[in-house]
Amino acid sequence: MGALYDLVATVGFVTPWTAALIFDLLRSVHATWDLPGEVLPPFDGPHMMFVNLFGAAVVMWSLARVARPVPWTVAIDTVGRLVFSAVFISVLSQGHSAVIVPFLALELAFLVWQALSLRVARAAEGSSVRLPHEPRPHDGRGVVVGR
C-alpha cells in the first residue's frame, strides 16, 4: 500500500515538465488557502535536476517494493519514512510552506502502519521474519529451522 502511494505521489517528479506543473499546483494551493509559511521557490537548473533524480529513485524503489514486498524492503522503507518525516518537520519548523503537511501526515501514517505490520509479522512467525544479515535458527544438529 505504501509503495503504491509513493509511486503515485512521486512519478510526477521524474521529468522537469511534470515536476514544474506539480510545484505550480502546490504554490497555487498555498496561495489559495493562504497557508502559513514561505511559498515554494522556483526550481530550475540543478535544483530541478536533483528533484528529477530523487523522483526517479523513489519511483524505482516503489516498483521494487510493489514487485517484491518482503519484510526487509518494508523495514528499509520504514526507516526511510522516518527520515522523510524528520526532513518535513525540520523544514516546517524553519517556516516553509504548510502545503507539505498532508505529505508529512501520510509519511507518519505509513511509518506507523509498516512498523506495526513488521512487528506483527515477526511475532506471528516466531522470529522467522528476519533481515538478510540475521542468522537462521538451527535445531541443535546444524539443520536450519524455518524458511
C-alpha atoms as a PDB file:
ATOM      1  CA  MET A   1       0.000   0.000   0.000  1.00  0.00           C
ATOM      2  CA  GLY A   2       2.763   2.457   0.937  1.00  0.00           C
ATOM      3  CA  ALA A   3       4.694   1.566  -2.208  1.00  0.00           C
ATOM      4  CA  LEU A   4       1.683   2.363  -4.394  1.00  0.00           C
ATOM      5  CA  TYR A   5       1.198   5.700  -2.621  1.00  0.00           C
ATOM      6  CA  ASP A   6       4.890   6.524  -3.136  1.00  0.00           C
ATOM      7  CA  LEU A   7       4.649   5.612  -6.813  1.00  0.00           C
ATOM      8  CA  VAL A   8       1.595   7.818  -7.410  1.00  0.00           C
ATOM      9  CA  ALA A   9       2.944  10.694  -5.290  1.00  0.00           C
ATOM     10  CA  THR A  10       6.391  10.796  -6.923  1.00  0.00           C
ATOM     11  CA  VAL A  11       6.007   9.734 -10.558  1.00  0.00           C
ATOM     12  CA  GLY A  12       5.302  13.340 -11.492  1.00  0.00           C
ATOM     13  CA  PHE A  13       8.695  14.446 -10.175  1.00  0.00           C
ATOM     14  CA  VAL A  14      10.617  12.307 -12.695  1.00  0.00           C
ATOM     15  CA  THR A  15      10.578  14.860 -15.528  1.00  0.00           C
ATOM     16  CA  PRO A  16      11.221  18.614 -15.358  1.00  0.00           C
ATOM     17  CA  TRP A  17       7.927  19.354 -17.130  1.00  0.00           C
ATOM     18  CA  THR A  18       5.684  17.358 -14.822  1.00  0.00           C
ATOM     19  CA  ALA A  19       7.616  18.438 -11.712  1.00  0.00           C
ATOM     20  CA  ALA A  20       7.175  22.101 -12.724  1.00  0.00           C
ATOM     21  CA  LEU A  21       3.420  21.513 -13.019  1.00  0.00           C
ATOM     22  CA  ILE A  22       3.298  19.909  -9.552  1.00  0.00           C
ATOM     23  CA  PHE A  23       5.277  22.763  -8.000  1.00  0.00           C
ATOM     24  CA  ASP A  24       2.942  25.289  -9.682  1.00  0.00           C
ATOM     25  CA  LEU A  25      -0.048  23.390  -8.264  1.00  0.00           C
ATOM     26  CA  LEU A  26       1.481  23.370  -4.764  1.00  0.00           C
ATOM     27  CA  ARG A  27       2.195  27.113  -4.997  1.00  0.00           C
ATOM     28  CA  SER A  28      -1.404  27.691  -6.107  1.00  0.00           C
ATOM     29  CA  VAL A  29      -2.761  25.650  -3.173  1.00  0.00           C
ATOM     30  CA  HIS A  30      -0.502  27.610  -0.802  1.00  0.00           C
ATOM     31  CA  ALA A  31      -1.820  30.934  -2.136  1.00  0.00           C
ATOM     32  CA  THR A  32      -5.481  29.908  -2.491  1.00  0.00           C
ATOM     33  CA  TRP A  33      -5.718  28.536   1.033  1.00  0.00           C
ATOM     34  CA  ASP A  34      -3.470  31.277   2.426  1.00  0.00           C
ATOM     35  CA  LEU A  35      -1.313  28.675   4.166  1.00  0.00           C
ATOM     36  CA  PRO A  36       1.310  29.683   6.706  1.00  0.00           C
ATOM     37  CA  GLY A  37       4.992  29.605   5.818  1.00  0.00           C
ATOM     38  CA  GLU A  38       7.007  30.614   2.791  1.00  0.00           C
ATOM     39  CA  VAL A  39       5.730  29.658  -0.627  1.00  0.00           C
ATOM     40  CA  LEU A  40       7.846  27.133  -2.541  1.00  0.00           C
ATOM     41  CA  PRO A  41      10.578  28.878  -4.534  1.00  0.00           C
ATOM     42  CA  PRO A  42      11.015  28.327  -8.278  1.00  0.00           C
ATOM     43  CA  PHE A  43      13.013  25.222  -9.181  1.00  0.00           C
ATOM     44  CA  ASP A  44      15.229  25.200 -12.253  1.00  0.00           C
ATOM     45  CA  GLY A  45      18.635  24.020 -13.417  1.00  0.00           C
ATOM     46  CA  PRO A  46      20.497  21.950 -10.813  1.00  0.00           C
ATOM     47  CA  HIS A  47      17.606  22.143  -8.313  1.00  0.00           C
ATOM     48  CA  MET A  48      15.222  20.587 -10.806  1.00  0.00           C
ATOM     49  CA  MET A  49      17.848  18.002 -11.785  1.00  0.00           C
ATOM     50  CA  PHE A  50      18.009  16.778  -8.165  1.00  0.00           C
ATOM     51  CA  VAL A  51      14.200  16.768  -7.903  1.00  0.00           C
ATOM     52  CA  ASN A  52      14.070  14.599 -11.043  1.00  0.00           C
ATOM     53  CA  LEU A  53      16.849  12.243  -9.892  1.00  0.00           C
ATOM     54  CA  PHE A  54      15.266  11.723  -6.491  1.00  0.00           C
ATOM     55  CA  GLY A  55      11.845  11.339  -8.110  1.00  0.00           C
ATOM     56  CA  ALA A  56      13.241   8.616 -10.370  1.00  0.00           C
ATOM     57  CA  ALA A  57      14.970   6.893  -7.435  1.00  0.00           C
ATOM     58  CA  VAL A  58      11.749   6.817  -5.394  1.00  0.00           C
ATOM     59  CA  VAL A  59       9.769   5.529  -8.382  1.00  0.00           C
ATOM     60  CA  MET A  60      12.287   2.706  -8.937  1.00  0.00           C
ATOM     61  CA  TRP A  61      12.284   1.837  -5.217  1.00  0.00           C
ATOM     62  CA  SER A  62       8.470   1.851  -5.230  1.00  0.00           C
ATOM     63  CA  LEU A  63       8.367  -0.509  -8.202  1.00  0.00           C
ATOM     64  CA  ALA A  64      10.818  -2.853  -6.464  1.00  0.00           C
ATOM     65  CA  ARG A  65       8.622  -2.877  -3.348  1.00  0.00           C
ATOM     66  CA  VAL A  66       5.453  -3.486  -5.371  1.00  0.00           C
ATOM     67  CA  ALA A  67       7.145  -6.372  -7.229  1.00  0.00           C
ATOM     68  CA  ARG A  68       8.738  -7.924  -4.132  1.00  0.00           C
ATOM     69  CA  PRO A  69       7.121  -6.793  -0.860  1.00  0.00           C
ATOM     70  CA  VAL A  70       9.340  -8.744   1.523  1.00  0.00           C
ATOM     71  CA  PRO A  71       9.925  -7.779   5.173  1.00  0.00           C
ATOM     72  CA  TRP A  72      13.434  -6.425   4.689  1.00  0.00           C
ATOM     73  CA  THR A  73      12.308  -3.954   1.978  1.00  0.00           C
ATOM     74  CA  VAL A  74       9.428  -2.886   4.224  1.00  0.00           C
ATOM     75  CA  ALA A  75      11.906  -2.409   7.093  1.00  0.00           C
ATOM     76  CA  ILE A  76      14.223  -0.284   4.936  1.00  0.00           C
ATOM     77  CA  ASP A  77      11.277   1.739   3.676  1.00  0.00           C
ATOM     78  CA  THR A  78      10.023   2.290   7.226  1.00  0.00           C
ATOM     79  CA  VAL A  79      13.368   3.820   8.194  1.00  0.00           C
ATOM     80  CA  GLY A  80      13.194   5.944   5.043  1.00  0.00           C
ATOM     81  CA  ARG A  81       9.777   7.209   6.091  1.00  0.00           C
ATOM     82  CA  LEU A  82      11.256   8.240   9.436  1.00  0.00           C
ATOM     83  CA  VAL A  83      13.967  10.211   7.606  1.00  0.00           C
ATOM     84  CA  PHE A  84      11.457  11.844   5.232  1.00  0.00           C
ATOM     85  CA  SER A  85       9.226  12.767   8.192  1.00  0.00           C
ATOM     86  CA  ALA A  86      12.175  14.305  10.050  1.00  0.00           C
ATOM     87  CA  VAL A  87      13.036  16.402   6.980  1.00  0.00           C
ATOM     88  CA  PHE A  88       9.419  17.551   6.607  1.00  0.00           C
ATOM     89  CA  ILE A  89       9.282  18.505  10.303  1.00  0.00           C
ATOM     90  CA  SER A  90      12.611  20.312  10.020  1.00  0.00           C
ATOM     91  CA  VAL A  91      11.559  22.477   7.062  1.00  0.00           C
ATOM     92  CA  LEU A  92       8.185  23.218   8.647  1.00  0.00           C
ATOM     93  CA  SER A  93       9.948  24.362  11.824  1.00  0.00           C
ATOM     94  CA  GLN A  94      12.059  26.691   9.664  1.00  0.00           C
ATOM     95  CA  GLY A  95       8.966  28.427   8.323  1.00  0.00           C
ATOM     96  CA  HIS A  96       8.441  26.722   4.978  1.00  0.00           C
ATOM     97  CA  SER A  97       5.015  26.272   3.430  1.00  0.00           C
ATOM     98  CA  ALA A  98       2.438  24.203   5.277  1.00  0.00           C
ATOM     99  CA  VAL A  99       1.421  22.762   1.884  1.00  0.00           C
ATOM    100  CA  ILE A 100       3.622  19.767   2.807  1.00  0.00           C
ATOM    101  CA  VAL A 101       1.662  18.886   5.964  1.00  0.00           C
ATOM    102  CA  PRO A 102      -0.567  16.328   4.149  1.00  0.00           C
ATOM    103  CA  PHE A 103       2.582  14.621   2.821  1.00  0.00           C
ATOM    104  CA  LEU A 104       4.020  14.545   6.355  1.00  0.00           C
ATOM    105  CA  ALA A 105       0.773  13.092   7.713  1.00  0.00           C
ATOM    106  CA  LEU A 106       0.824  10.303   5.117  1.00  0.00           C
ATOM    107  CA  GLU A 107       4.527   9.557   5.767  1.00  0.00           C
ATOM    108  CA  LEU A 108       3.837   9.246   9.500  1.00  0.00           C
ATOM    109  CA  ALA A 109       0.733   7.106   8.924  1.00  0.00           C
ATOM    110  CA  PHE A 110       2.595   4.696   6.626  1.00  0.00           C
ATOM    111  CA  LEU A 111       5.582   4.665   9.005  1.00  0.00           C
ATOM    112  CA  VAL A 112       3.383   3.548  11.913  1.00  0.00           C
ATOM    113  CA  TRP A 113       1.393   1.088   9.790  1.00  0.00           C
ATOM    114  CA  GLN A 114       4.526  -0.520   8.330  1.00  0.00           C
ATOM    115  CA  ALA A 115       6.304  -0.674  11.690  1.00  0.00           C
ATOM    116  CA  LEU A 116       3.300  -2.344  13.303  1.00  0.00           C
ATOM    117  CA  SER A 117       2.941  -4.730  10.348  1.00  0.00           C
ATOM    118  CA  LEU A 118       6.580  -5.772  10.696  1.00  0.00           C
ATOM    119  CA  ARG A 119       6.175  -6.309  14.423  1.00  0.00           C
ATOM    120  CA  VAL A 120       3.017  -8.396  13.952  1.00  0.00           C
ATOM    121  CA  ALA A 121       4.628 -10.459  11.174  1.00  0.00           C
ATOM    122  CA  ARG A 122       7.710 -11.099  13.263  1.00  0.00           C
ATOM    123  CA  ALA A 123       5.638 -12.164  16.284  1.00  0.00           C
ATOM    124  CA  ALA A 124       3.335 -14.361  14.187  1.00  0.00           C
ATOM    125  CA  GLU A 125       6.224 -16.183  12.576  1.00  0.00           C
ATOM    126  CA  GLY A 126       8.191 -16.670  15.786  1.00  0.00           C
ATOM    127  CA  SER A 127      11.146 -14.581  14.651  1.00  0.00           C
ATOM    128  CA  SER A 128      11.348 -16.296  11.262  1.00  0.00           C
ATOM    129  CA  VAL A 129      10.903 -12.882   9.652  1.00  0.00           C
ATOM    130  CA  ARG A 130      14.488 -11.694   9.534  1.00  0.00           C
ATOM    131  CA  LEU A 131      16.586  -9.168   7.734  1.00  0.00           C
ATOM    132  CA  PRO A 132      19.104 -10.751   5.327  1.00  0.00           C
ATOM    133  CA  HIS A 133      22.061 -10.422   7.733  1.00  0.00           C
ATOM    134  CA  GLU A 134      20.339 -12.185  10.653  1.00  0.00           C
ATOM    135  CA  PRO A 135      21.401 -15.803  11.223  1.00  0.00           C
ATOM    136  CA  ARG A 136      18.892 -18.587  10.669  1.00  0.00           C
ATOM    137  CA  PRO A 137      17.955 -20.691  13.695  1.00  0.00           C
ATOM    138  CA  HIS A 138      19.305 -24.235  13.940  1.00  0.00           C
ATOM    139  CA  ASP A 139      17.772 -27.228  15.676  1.00  0.00           C
ATOM    140  CA  GLY A 140      20.988 -28.110  17.539  1.00  0.00           C
ATOM    141  CA  ARG A 141      22.157 -30.567  14.886  1.00  0.00           C
ATOM    142  CA  GLY A 142      23.021 -27.873  12.366  1.00  0.00           C
ATOM    143  CA  VAL A 143      19.733 -28.200  10.489  1.00  0.00           C
ATOM    144  CA  VAL A 144      18.168 -24.859   9.586  1.00  0.00           C
ATOM    145  CA  VAL A 145      14.700 -24.413  11.083  1.00  0.00           C
ATOM    146  CA  GLY A 146      12.035 -22.322   9.367  1.00  0.00           C
ATOM    147  CA  ARG A 147      12.162 -20.715   5.938  1.00  0.00           C
END
